[in-house]
Amino acid sequence: MDPQPFLARVLMLFGVGFLIANLRLAADLVRYLRRRRSALLVWPGRRPKYYGLILTLGVTLGFLLVLKIVMLQRVPTHAPEDDAVRVLFGEGMMFVYFACMVPLTRLIDRGLYADGIWAENGFVPYQQIGGIAWREGEPLTLVLVSRIRQIARPLIVPSPYYGAVRRLLRDKIAAEAIDFKTGGLDLGRDGKEDV
């Protein structure tokens, strides 16, 4: 039994998954480019935990892709062409993710914008924030609870920005851009003391 067709299908599935991830990250980059002029208080994003490993995977996949393309042109294979295309698609999407998209998303500045907050894992408009809490310690983290989806988004705040972030959040609450009264997370208080 030849495992080649099975592996080609698995890599095709990986390719589809990484294509979706690449499109989501590309959409985040486009949203950031449109929104960056409205920055109120921002700072560079932190490096992902295993950033060196991510870059190593990207370089390795790039080398593997070049090697396979060169080998496919010189040496005839017994595998059908569809399998070769599936394999190249899967590996290509993984290469784009690890070598291009993850490093590019590091360019997105985290912090407060005119219409929302860019947290570690995405943008949250002010009107969607249902709760705010600080997790003191190292690193200092602002936790944003969405009123629409039951998820919490962390924003790691560098110590020098702590006071300015608190002031801006108080201003947004006073201007009712962030509204804890309607449909938010009921903590038994209005949320202003958390800021």
N, C-alpha and C. Protein backbone atom coordinates (compact mmCIF):
# COMPACT_ATOMS: atom_id res chain seq x y z
N MET A 1 0.84 -1.19 0.00
CA MET A 1 0.00 0.00 0.00
C MET A 1 0.88 1.25 0.00
N ASP A 2 0.63 2.12 -0.91
CA ASP A 2 1.43 3.34 -1.07
C ASP A 2 0.90 4.43 -0.14
N PRO A 3 1.73 4.95 0.79
CA PRO A 3 1.27 5.99 1.71
C PRO A 3 1.24 7.39 1.06
N GLN A 4 1.80 7.52 -0.12
CA GLN A 4 1.89 8.83 -0.78
C GLN A 4 0.54 9.53 -0.94
N PRO A 5 -0.51 8.90 -1.45
CA PRO A 5 -1.80 9.59 -1.60
C PRO A 5 -2.38 10.05 -0.25
N PHE A 6 -2.23 9.21 0.78
CA PHE A 6 -2.73 9.58 2.10
C PHE A 6 -1.99 10.81 2.64
N LEU A 7 -0.66 10.81 2.53
CA LEU A 7 0.14 11.95 3.00
C LEU A 7 -0.19 13.21 2.20
N ALA A 8 -0.42 13.05 0.91
CA ALA A 8 -0.78 14.20 0.08
C ALA A 8 -2.10 14.81 0.54
N ARG A 9 -3.07 13.95 0.89
CA ARG A 9 -4.37 14.46 1.37
C ARG A 9 -4.22 15.15 2.72
N VAL A 10 -3.40 14.58 3.60
CA VAL A 10 -3.17 15.20 4.91
C VAL A 10 -2.53 16.57 4.73
N LEU A 11 -1.53 16.65 3.85
CA LEU A 11 -0.88 17.95 3.62
C LEU A 11 -1.85 18.94 2.96
N MET A 12 -2.75 18.45 2.14
CA MET A 12 -3.77 19.32 1.54
C MET A 12 -4.67 19.89 2.64
N LEU A 13 -5.06 19.06 3.60
CA LEU A 13 -5.88 19.55 4.72
C LEU A 13 -5.11 20.58 5.55
N PHE A 14 -3.83 20.30 5.81
CA PHE A 14 -3.01 21.30 6.50
C PHE A 14 -2.96 22.59 5.70
N GLY A 15 -2.82 22.46 4.39
CA GLY A 15 -2.78 23.65 3.54
C GLY A 15 -4.03 24.48 3.63
N VAL A 16 -5.19 23.83 3.66
CA VAL A 16 -6.46 24.55 3.77
C VAL A 16 -6.53 25.26 5.13
N GLY A 17 -6.14 24.56 6.19
CA GLY A 17 -6.14 25.18 7.52
C GLY A 17 -5.22 26.37 7.61
N PHE A 18 -4.00 26.23 7.07
CA PHE A 18 -3.06 27.34 7.09
C PHE A 18 -3.48 28.46 6.15
N LEU A 19 -4.19 28.14 5.05
CA LEU A 19 -4.73 29.18 4.18
C LEU A 19 -5.72 30.05 4.95
N ILE A 20 -6.59 29.41 5.72
CA ILE A 20 -7.56 30.16 6.53
C ILE A 20 -6.83 31.03 7.56
N ALA A 21 -5.82 30.47 8.21
CA ALA A 21 -5.05 31.24 9.19
C ALA A 21 -4.34 32.41 8.51
N ASN A 22 -3.78 32.19 7.33
CA ASN A 22 -3.10 33.26 6.59
C ASN A 22 -4.07 34.37 6.22
N LEU A 23 -5.26 34.01 5.78
CA LEU A 23 -6.25 35.02 5.41
C LEU A 23 -6.69 35.83 6.63
N ARG A 24 -6.85 35.17 7.77
CA ARG A 24 -7.23 35.90 8.99
C ARG A 24 -6.14 36.88 9.40
N LEU A 25 -4.88 36.45 9.35
CA LEU A 25 -3.78 37.34 9.71
C LEU A 25 -3.65 38.48 8.69
N ALA A 26 -3.87 38.19 7.42
CA ALA A 26 -3.83 39.25 6.40
C ALA A 26 -4.95 40.27 6.64
N ALA A 27 -6.13 39.80 7.04
CA ALA A 27 -7.23 40.72 7.36
C ALA A 27 -6.87 41.58 8.56
N ASP A 28 -6.21 41.01 9.58
CA ASP A 28 -5.76 41.80 10.73
C ASP A 28 -4.77 42.88 10.29
N LEU A 29 -3.85 42.52 9.40
CA LEU A 29 -2.87 43.50 8.92
C LEU A 29 -3.55 44.64 8.17
N VAL A 30 -4.52 44.33 7.33
CA VAL A 30 -5.24 45.37 6.59
C VAL A 30 -6.01 46.27 7.55
N ARG A 31 -6.68 45.66 8.54
CA ARG A 31 -7.40 46.47 9.55
C ARG A 31 -6.44 47.38 10.31
N TYR A 32 -5.28 46.86 10.64
CA TYR A 32 -4.29 47.68 11.35
C TYR A 32 -3.81 48.84 10.48
N LEU A 33 -3.52 48.57 9.20
CA LEU A 33 -3.04 49.65 8.32
C LEU A 33 -4.08 50.76 8.19
N ARG A 34 -5.36 50.39 8.16
CA ARG A 34 -6.43 51.41 8.10
C ARG A 34 -6.57 52.17 9.41
N ARG A 35 -6.30 51.51 10.51
CA ARG A 35 -6.58 52.05 11.83
C ARG A 35 -5.39 52.77 12.47
N ARG A 36 -4.18 52.56 11.99
CA ARG A 36 -3.01 53.04 12.71
C ARG A 36 -2.93 54.56 12.84
N ARG A 37 -3.58 55.30 11.95
CA ARG A 37 -3.58 56.77 12.07
C ARG A 37 -4.41 57.24 13.25
N SER A 38 -5.30 56.37 13.75
CA SER A 38 -6.16 56.76 14.86
C SER A 38 -5.63 56.30 16.21
N ALA A 39 -4.33 55.99 16.27
CA ALA A 39 -3.73 55.50 17.51
C ALA A 39 -3.71 56.60 18.57
N LEU A 40 -4.15 56.24 19.78
CA LEU A 40 -4.10 57.16 20.91
C LEU A 40 -2.87 56.90 21.77
N LEU A 41 -2.64 55.65 22.09
CA LEU A 41 -1.49 55.25 22.90
C LEU A 41 -1.14 53.81 22.53
N VAL A 42 -0.01 53.63 21.85
CA VAL A 42 0.35 52.30 21.36
C VAL A 42 1.82 52.00 21.67
N TRP A 43 2.15 50.72 21.59
CA TRP A 43 3.51 50.24 21.78
C TRP A 43 3.69 49.00 20.93
N PRO A 44 4.94 48.64 20.63
CA PRO A 44 5.17 47.46 19.79
C PRO A 44 4.69 46.18 20.48
N GLY A 45 4.20 45.24 19.68
CA GLY A 45 3.77 43.95 20.21
C GLY A 45 4.97 43.14 20.68
N ARG A 46 4.72 42.25 21.61
CA ARG A 46 5.78 41.38 22.12
C ARG A 46 6.05 40.25 21.15
N ARG A 47 7.26 39.73 21.23
CA ARG A 47 7.59 38.56 20.42
C ARG A 47 6.80 37.36 20.92
N PRO A 48 6.30 36.54 19.99
CA PRO A 48 5.63 35.31 20.43
C PRO A 48 6.60 34.44 21.24
N LYS A 49 6.02 33.58 22.04
CA LYS A 49 6.80 32.77 22.97
C LYS A 49 7.91 31.98 22.28
N TYR A 50 7.59 31.30 21.21
CA TYR A 50 8.57 30.46 20.51
C TYR A 50 8.92 31.06 19.15
N TYR A 51 9.24 32.35 19.14
CA TYR A 51 9.47 33.06 17.89
C TYR A 51 10.64 32.47 17.10
N GLY A 52 11.71 32.10 17.77
CA GLY A 52 12.86 31.50 17.10
C GLY A 52 12.49 30.20 16.40
N LEU A 53 11.69 29.39 17.06
CA LEU A 53 11.23 28.13 16.48
C LEU A 53 10.33 28.39 15.27
N ILE A 54 9.48 29.40 15.38
CA ILE A 54 8.58 29.76 14.27
C ILE A 54 9.40 30.16 13.04
N LEU A 55 10.41 31.00 13.24
CA LEU A 55 11.25 31.42 12.12
C LEU A 55 12.05 30.25 11.55
N THR A 56 12.52 29.36 12.43
CA THR A 56 13.24 28.18 11.96
C THR A 56 12.35 27.29 11.11
N LEU A 57 11.11 27.11 11.53
CA LEU A 57 10.15 26.34 10.72
C LEU A 57 9.93 26.99 9.36
N GLY A 58 9.81 28.32 9.35
CA GLY A 58 9.62 29.03 8.09
C GLY A 58 10.78 28.86 7.13
N VAL A 59 12.00 28.98 7.65
CA VAL A 59 13.19 28.82 6.80
C VAL A 59 13.30 27.38 6.31
N THR A 60 13.04 26.43 7.20
CA THR A 60 13.11 25.01 6.82
C THR A 60 12.08 24.68 5.74
N LEU A 61 10.85 25.17 5.91
CA LEU A 61 9.82 24.92 4.90
C LEU A 61 10.17 25.58 3.57
N GLY A 62 10.75 26.78 3.61
CA GLY A 62 11.18 27.44 2.38
C GLY A 62 12.25 26.63 1.66
N PHE A 63 13.22 26.14 2.42
CA PHE A 63 14.27 25.30 1.84
C PHE A 63 13.67 24.04 1.25
N LEU A 64 12.74 23.41 1.96
CA LEU A 64 12.09 22.19 1.50
C LEU A 64 11.30 22.44 0.21
N LEU A 65 10.61 23.57 0.14
CA LEU A 65 9.84 23.90 -1.07
C LEU A 65 10.76 24.08 -2.28
N VAL A 66 11.83 24.83 -2.10
CA VAL A 66 12.77 25.04 -3.21
C VAL A 66 13.36 23.71 -3.66
N LEU A 67 13.75 22.89 -2.70
CA LEU A 67 14.32 21.59 -3.03
C LEU A 67 13.32 20.71 -3.79
N LYS A 68 12.07 20.69 -3.35
CA LYS A 68 11.06 19.86 -4.03
C LYS A 68 10.77 20.38 -5.43
N ILE A 69 10.69 21.68 -5.59
CA ILE A 69 10.42 22.24 -6.92
C ILE A 69 11.56 21.90 -7.88
N VAL A 70 12.80 22.02 -7.41
CA VAL A 70 13.95 21.68 -8.25
C VAL A 70 13.95 20.19 -8.57
N MET A 71 13.66 19.36 -7.55
CA MET A 71 13.67 17.92 -7.75
C MET A 71 12.54 17.48 -8.68
N LEU A 72 11.36 18.11 -8.57
CA LEU A 72 10.24 17.73 -9.44
C LEU A 72 10.54 18.02 -10.90
N GLN A 73 11.32 19.05 -11.16
CA GLN A 73 11.65 19.38 -12.54
C GLN A 73 12.68 18.44 -13.13
N ARG A 74 13.55 17.89 -12.30
CA ARG A 74 14.65 17.06 -12.81
C ARG A 74 14.36 15.56 -12.78
N VAL A 75 13.69 15.13 -11.71
CA VAL A 75 13.50 13.68 -11.53
C VAL A 75 12.02 13.36 -11.67
N PRO A 76 11.66 12.50 -12.61
CA PRO A 76 10.25 12.11 -12.71
C PRO A 76 9.84 11.28 -11.49
N THR A 77 8.63 11.52 -11.00
CA THR A 77 8.14 10.77 -9.85
C THR A 77 7.07 9.79 -10.29
N HIS A 78 6.84 8.80 -9.47
CA HIS A 78 5.79 7.82 -9.75
C HIS A 78 4.45 8.28 -9.20
N ALA A 79 4.45 9.36 -8.40
CA ALA A 79 3.21 9.86 -7.81
C ALA A 79 2.45 10.67 -8.86
N PRO A 80 1.13 10.62 -8.81
CA PRO A 80 0.34 11.44 -9.73
C PRO A 80 0.61 12.93 -9.50
N GLU A 81 0.37 13.73 -10.54
CA GLU A 81 0.61 15.17 -10.43
C GLU A 81 -0.25 15.81 -9.36
N ASP A 82 -1.48 15.32 -9.18
CA ASP A 82 -2.36 15.88 -8.15
C ASP A 82 -1.74 15.78 -6.77
N ASP A 83 -1.08 14.66 -6.49
CA ASP A 83 -0.44 14.49 -5.18
C ASP A 83 0.68 15.50 -4.98
N ALA A 84 1.47 15.73 -6.02
CA ALA A 84 2.56 16.69 -5.93
C ALA A 84 2.02 18.10 -5.68
N VAL A 85 0.94 18.44 -6.36
CA VAL A 85 0.34 19.77 -6.18
C VAL A 85 -0.22 19.91 -4.76
N ARG A 86 -0.86 18.87 -4.24
CA ARG A 86 -1.39 18.91 -2.88
C ARG A 86 -0.28 19.10 -1.86
N VAL A 87 0.80 18.37 -2.04
CA VAL A 87 1.93 18.48 -1.12
C VAL A 87 2.52 19.88 -1.17
N LEU A 88 2.74 20.40 -2.37
CA LEU A 88 3.32 21.75 -2.50
C LEU A 88 2.38 22.81 -1.95
N PHE A 89 1.08 22.64 -2.15
CA PHE A 89 0.12 23.60 -1.60
C PHE A 89 0.17 23.61 -0.07
N GLY A 90 0.15 22.44 0.53
CA GLY A 90 0.18 22.35 2.00
C GLY A 90 1.46 22.95 2.57
N GLU A 91 2.58 22.56 2.01
CA GLU A 91 3.86 23.08 2.50
C GLU A 91 4.00 24.57 2.20
N GLY A 92 3.47 25.01 1.07
CA GLY A 92 3.53 26.43 0.73
C GLY A 92 2.73 27.29 1.69
N MET A 93 1.54 26.84 2.06
CA MET A 93 0.73 27.60 3.02
C MET A 93 1.38 27.65 4.40
N MET A 94 2.02 26.55 4.79
CA MET A 94 2.73 26.55 6.07
C MET A 94 3.93 27.51 6.01
N PHE A 95 4.63 27.52 4.88
CA PHE A 95 5.75 28.44 4.70
C PHE A 95 5.28 29.90 4.80
N VAL A 96 4.20 30.23 4.12
CA VAL A 96 3.68 31.60 4.16
C VAL A 96 3.32 31.99 5.60
N TYR A 97 2.72 31.07 6.35
CA TYR A 97 2.33 31.36 7.73
C TYR A 97 3.56 31.60 8.61
N PHE A 98 4.48 30.66 8.63
CA PHE A 98 5.61 30.74 9.56
C PHE A 98 6.66 31.77 9.13
N ALA A 99 6.92 31.90 7.84
CA ALA A 99 7.98 32.79 7.38
C ALA A 99 7.51 34.21 7.09
N CYS A 100 6.22 34.38 6.79
CA CYS A 100 5.74 35.70 6.38
C CYS A 100 4.71 36.30 7.34
N MET A 101 3.61 35.59 7.53
CA MET A 101 2.48 36.19 8.26
C MET A 101 2.76 36.42 9.74
N VAL A 102 3.35 35.45 10.42
CA VAL A 102 3.64 35.64 11.85
C VAL A 102 4.63 36.80 12.06
N PRO A 103 5.75 36.86 11.31
CA PRO A 103 6.63 38.03 11.48
C PRO A 103 5.96 39.35 11.12
N LEU A 104 5.08 39.37 10.11
CA LEU A 104 4.41 40.62 9.74
C LEU A 104 3.43 41.08 10.82
N THR A 105 2.78 40.15 11.51
CA THR A 105 1.83 40.56 12.55
C THR A 105 2.54 41.17 13.75
N ARG A 106 3.83 40.98 13.86
CA ARG A 106 4.58 41.66 14.93
C ARG A 106 4.61 43.17 14.70
N LEU A 107 4.33 43.60 13.48
CA LEU A 107 4.32 45.03 13.17
C LEU A 107 3.09 45.74 13.75
N ILE A 108 2.07 44.98 14.12
CA ILE A 108 0.83 45.57 14.65
C ILE A 108 1.10 46.10 16.05
N ASP A 109 0.92 47.42 16.22
CA ASP A 109 1.10 48.03 17.53
C ASP A 109 -0.08 47.72 18.43
N ARG A 110 0.19 47.30 19.64
CA ARG A 110 -0.85 47.02 20.62
C ARG A 110 -1.18 48.31 21.36
N GLY A 111 -2.40 48.39 21.87
CA GLY A 111 -2.75 49.56 22.66
C GLY A 111 -4.12 50.12 22.33
N LEU A 112 -4.30 51.40 22.64
CA LEU A 112 -5.60 52.06 22.51
C LEU A 112 -5.66 52.90 21.25
N TYR A 113 -6.75 52.70 20.52
CA TYR A 113 -7.02 53.45 19.29
C TYR A 113 -8.30 54.25 19.50
N ALA A 114 -8.64 55.11 18.57
CA ALA A 114 -9.82 55.95 18.71
C ALA A 114 -11.10 55.14 18.82
N ASP A 115 -11.16 53.97 18.16
CA ASP A 115 -12.40 53.19 18.14
C ASP A 115 -12.32 51.85 18.87
N GLY A 116 -11.19 51.56 19.52
CA GLY A 116 -11.09 50.30 20.24
C GLY A 116 -9.69 50.04 20.76
N ILE A 117 -9.50 48.81 21.22
CA ILE A 117 -8.23 48.39 21.82
C ILE A 117 -7.70 47.20 21.04
N TRP A 118 -6.42 47.28 20.64
CA TRP A 118 -5.79 46.15 19.98
C TRP A 118 -5.11 45.32 21.05
N ALA A 119 -5.71 44.18 21.38
CA ALA A 119 -5.18 43.28 22.40
C ALA A 119 -4.17 42.32 21.77
N GLU A 120 -3.67 41.40 22.57
CA GLU A 120 -2.66 40.45 22.09
C GLU A 120 -3.21 39.55 20.99
N ASN A 121 -4.50 39.26 21.03
CA ASN A 121 -5.06 38.33 20.04
C ASN A 121 -6.20 38.95 19.24
N GLY A 122 -6.10 40.24 18.96
CA GLY A 122 -7.08 40.85 18.07
C GLY A 122 -7.62 42.18 18.58
N PHE A 123 -8.40 42.81 17.73
CA PHE A 123 -8.96 44.12 18.00
C PHE A 123 -10.34 43.99 18.63
N VAL A 124 -10.60 44.83 19.65
CA VAL A 124 -11.90 44.85 20.32
C VAL A 124 -12.44 46.28 20.28
N PRO A 125 -13.53 46.54 19.55
CA PRO A 125 -14.13 47.87 19.57
C PRO A 125 -14.64 48.20 20.98
N TYR A 126 -14.62 49.48 21.33
CA TYR A 126 -15.03 49.88 22.68
C TYR A 126 -16.45 49.43 23.01
N GLN A 127 -17.36 49.52 22.03
CA GLN A 127 -18.76 49.17 22.31
C GLN A 127 -18.95 47.69 22.57
N GLN A 128 -17.95 46.85 22.26
CA GLN A 128 -18.06 45.42 22.53
C GLN A 128 -17.45 45.02 23.87
N ILE A 129 -16.83 45.97 24.57
CA ILE A 129 -16.20 45.64 25.85
C ILE A 129 -17.26 45.64 26.94
N GLY A 130 -17.41 44.48 27.60
CA GLY A 130 -18.40 44.34 28.67
C GLY A 130 -17.79 44.32 30.05
N GLY A 131 -16.48 44.20 30.15
CA GLY A 131 -15.81 44.19 31.44
C GLY A 131 -14.32 44.40 31.28
N ILE A 132 -13.72 45.02 32.29
CA ILE A 132 -12.28 45.31 32.28
C ILE A 132 -11.73 44.94 33.65
N ALA A 133 -10.58 44.31 33.66
CA ALA A 133 -9.89 44.01 34.91
C ALA A 133 -8.39 44.07 34.67
N TRP A 134 -7.66 44.41 35.71
CA TRP A 134 -6.21 44.42 35.64
C TRP A 134 -5.68 43.19 36.34
N ARG A 135 -4.73 42.54 35.74
CA ARG A 135 -4.00 41.45 36.38
C ARG A 135 -2.62 42.01 36.70
N GLU A 136 -2.47 42.38 37.96
CA GLU A 136 -1.22 43.00 38.41
C GLU A 136 -0.13 41.94 38.48
N GLY A 137 1.09 42.36 38.37
CA GLY A 137 2.22 41.45 38.40
C GLY A 137 3.06 41.67 37.16
N GLU A 138 3.95 40.76 36.92
CA GLU A 138 4.82 40.87 35.77
C GLU A 138 4.48 39.78 34.77
N PRO A 139 4.02 40.03 33.60
CA PRO A 139 3.78 41.35 33.03
C PRO A 139 2.41 41.89 33.47
N LEU A 140 2.30 43.19 33.49
CA LEU A 140 1.06 43.88 33.81
C LEU A 140 0.08 43.65 32.65
N THR A 141 -1.12 43.15 32.94
CA THR A 141 -2.04 42.75 31.88
C THR A 141 -3.43 43.34 32.10
N LEU A 142 -3.95 43.96 31.05
CA LEU A 142 -5.33 44.44 31.04
C LEU A 142 -6.16 43.34 30.39
N VAL A 143 -7.22 42.90 31.08
CA VAL A 143 -8.07 41.84 30.56
C VAL A 143 -9.38 42.47 30.10
N LEU A 144 -9.72 42.28 28.84
CA LEU A 144 -10.94 42.83 28.25
C LEU A 144 -11.93 41.69 28.03
N VAL A 145 -13.13 41.83 28.58
CA VAL A 145 -14.16 40.81 28.41
C VAL A 145 -15.16 41.32 27.38
N SER A 146 -15.37 40.52 26.35
CA SER A 146 -16.30 40.90 25.28
C SER A 146 -17.74 40.70 25.73
N ARG A 147 -18.60 41.64 25.38
CA ARG A 147 -20.02 41.49 25.69
C ARG A 147 -20.72 40.62 24.66
N ILE A 148 -20.13 40.43 23.48
CA ILE A 148 -20.76 39.65 22.41
C ILE A 148 -20.38 38.17 22.52
N ARG A 149 -19.09 37.91 22.58
CA ARG A 149 -18.62 36.53 22.73
C ARG A 149 -18.07 36.37 24.14
N GLN A 150 -18.27 35.23 24.72
CA GLN A 150 -17.82 35.00 26.09
C GLN A 150 -16.33 34.65 26.10
N ILE A 151 -15.51 35.64 25.70
CA ILE A 151 -14.07 35.44 25.71
C ILE A 151 -13.40 36.64 26.37
N ALA A 152 -12.24 36.40 26.93
CA ALA A 152 -11.44 37.47 27.50
C ALA A 152 -10.19 37.63 26.65
N ARG A 153 -9.85 38.87 26.35
CA ARG A 153 -8.66 39.15 25.55
C ARG A 153 -7.65 39.90 26.42
N PRO A 154 -6.43 39.37 26.52
CA PRO A 154 -5.41 40.06 27.31
C PRO A 154 -4.68 41.12 26.49
N LEU A 155 -4.26 42.17 27.16
CA LEU A 155 -3.38 43.19 26.58
C LEU A 155 -2.25 43.41 27.56
N ILE A 156 -1.05 43.02 27.19
CA ILE A 156 0.10 43.22 28.06
C ILE A 156 0.53 44.68 27.93
N VAL A 157 0.53 45.39 29.08
CA VAL A 157 0.82 46.82 29.10
C VAL A 157 2.20 47.03 29.72
N PRO A 158 3.14 47.62 28.97
CA PRO A 158 4.45 47.92 29.56
C PRO A 158 4.28 48.90 30.72
N SER A 159 5.07 48.75 31.75
CA SER A 159 4.95 49.56 32.96
C SER A 159 4.93 51.07 32.71
N PRO A 160 5.76 51.61 31.82
CA PRO A 160 5.72 53.07 31.61
C PRO A 160 4.38 53.59 31.06
N TYR A 161 3.57 52.72 30.46
CA TYR A 161 2.29 53.14 29.88
C TYR A 161 1.10 52.93 30.81
N TYR A 162 1.33 52.34 31.97
CA TYR A 162 0.25 51.95 32.87
C TYR A 162 -0.65 53.13 33.25
N GLY A 163 -0.09 54.21 33.73
CA GLY A 163 -0.88 55.37 34.14
C GLY A 163 -1.66 55.99 32.99
N ALA A 164 -1.01 56.12 31.84
CA ALA A 164 -1.67 56.72 30.68
C ALA A 164 -2.81 55.83 30.18
N VAL A 165 -2.64 54.53 30.22
CA VAL A 165 -3.71 53.62 29.80
C VAL A 165 -4.90 53.75 30.74
N ARG A 166 -4.65 53.80 32.04
CA ARG A 166 -5.74 53.95 33.01
C ARG A 166 -6.51 55.25 32.78
N ARG A 167 -5.78 56.36 32.54
CA ARG A 167 -6.44 57.65 32.28
C ARG A 167 -7.29 57.59 31.02
N LEU A 168 -6.75 57.04 29.94
CA LEU A 168 -7.51 56.95 28.69
C LEU A 168 -8.75 56.07 28.86
N LEU A 169 -8.63 54.97 29.59
CA LEU A 169 -9.79 54.11 29.83
C LEU A 169 -10.85 54.84 30.65
N ARG A 170 -10.43 55.59 31.66
CA ARG A 170 -11.40 56.38 32.44
C ARG A 170 -12.11 57.40 31.57
N ASP A 171 -11.35 58.04 30.66
CA ASP A 171 -11.96 59.01 29.74
C ASP A 171 -12.98 58.33 28.82
N LYS A 172 -12.66 57.14 28.33
CA LYS A 172 -13.58 56.42 27.45
C LYS A 172 -14.84 55.99 28.21
N ILE A 173 -14.68 55.60 29.48
CA ILE A 173 -15.85 55.23 30.29
C ILE A 173 -16.70 56.46 30.58
N ALA A 174 -16.05 57.58 30.89
CA ALA A 174 -16.79 58.82 31.16
C ALA A 174 -17.54 59.29 29.92
N ALA A 175 -16.95 59.11 28.75
CA ALA A 175 -17.60 59.50 27.50
C ALA A 175 -18.60 58.45 27.02
N GLU A 176 -18.74 57.38 27.78
CA GLU A 176 -19.65 56.26 27.50
C GLU A 176 -19.31 55.53 26.20
N ALA A 177 -18.05 55.60 25.77
CA ALA A 177 -17.61 54.76 24.66
C ALA A 177 -17.54 53.31 25.13
N ILE A 178 -17.12 53.14 26.39
CA ILE A 178 -17.16 51.83 27.04
C ILE A 178 -18.31 51.90 28.02
N ASP A 179 -19.31 51.06 27.80
CA ASP A 179 -20.53 51.11 28.61
C ASP A 179 -20.70 49.79 29.35
N PHE A 180 -20.59 49.86 30.69
CA PHE A 180 -20.75 48.66 31.50
C PHE A 180 -22.20 48.44 31.93
N LYS A 181 -23.06 49.39 31.67
CA LYS A 181 -24.42 49.32 32.19
C LYS A 181 -25.33 48.41 31.38
N THR A 182 -25.12 48.36 30.06
CA THR A 182 -26.06 47.61 29.22
C THR A 182 -25.41 46.37 28.66
N GLY A 183 -25.91 45.23 29.03
CA GLY A 183 -25.52 43.97 28.44
C GLY A 183 -24.11 43.51 28.70
N GLY A 184 -23.45 44.11 29.64
CA GLY A 184 -22.08 43.72 29.91
C GLY A 184 -21.99 42.59 30.92
N LEU A 185 -20.81 42.38 31.40
CA LEU A 185 -20.55 41.37 32.40
C LEU A 185 -20.98 41.93 33.74
N ASP A 186 -21.92 41.28 34.42
CA ASP A 186 -22.43 41.78 35.69
C ASP A 186 -21.50 41.31 36.81
N LEU A 187 -20.70 42.24 37.29
CA LEU A 187 -19.78 41.94 38.39
C LEU A 187 -20.28 42.50 39.71
N GLY A 188 -21.54 43.04 39.72
CA GLY A 188 -22.09 43.61 40.92
C GLY A 188 -21.61 45.02 41.19
N ARG A 189 -20.93 45.62 40.24
CA ARG A 189 -20.46 47.00 40.34
C ARG A 189 -20.40 47.58 38.94
N ASP A 190 -20.11 48.85 38.82
CA ASP A 190 -20.19 49.48 37.50
C ASP A 190 -18.91 49.33 36.67
N GLY A 191 -17.84 48.82 37.22
CA GLY A 191 -16.62 48.58 36.45
C GLY A 191 -15.65 49.74 36.47
N LYS A 192 -16.08 50.93 36.86
CA LYS A 192 -15.19 52.08 36.84
C LYS A 192 -14.05 51.92 37.85
N GLU A 193 -14.33 51.27 38.98
CA GLU A 193 -13.27 51.12 39.96
C GLU A 193 -12.19 50.15 39.52
N ASP A 194 -12.47 49.31 38.51
CA ASP A 194 -11.46 48.40 38.00
C ASP A 194 -10.41 49.12 37.16
N VAL A 195 -10.78 50.25 36.63
CA VAL A 195 -9.86 51.00 35.78
C VAL A 195 -9.04 51.92 36.64
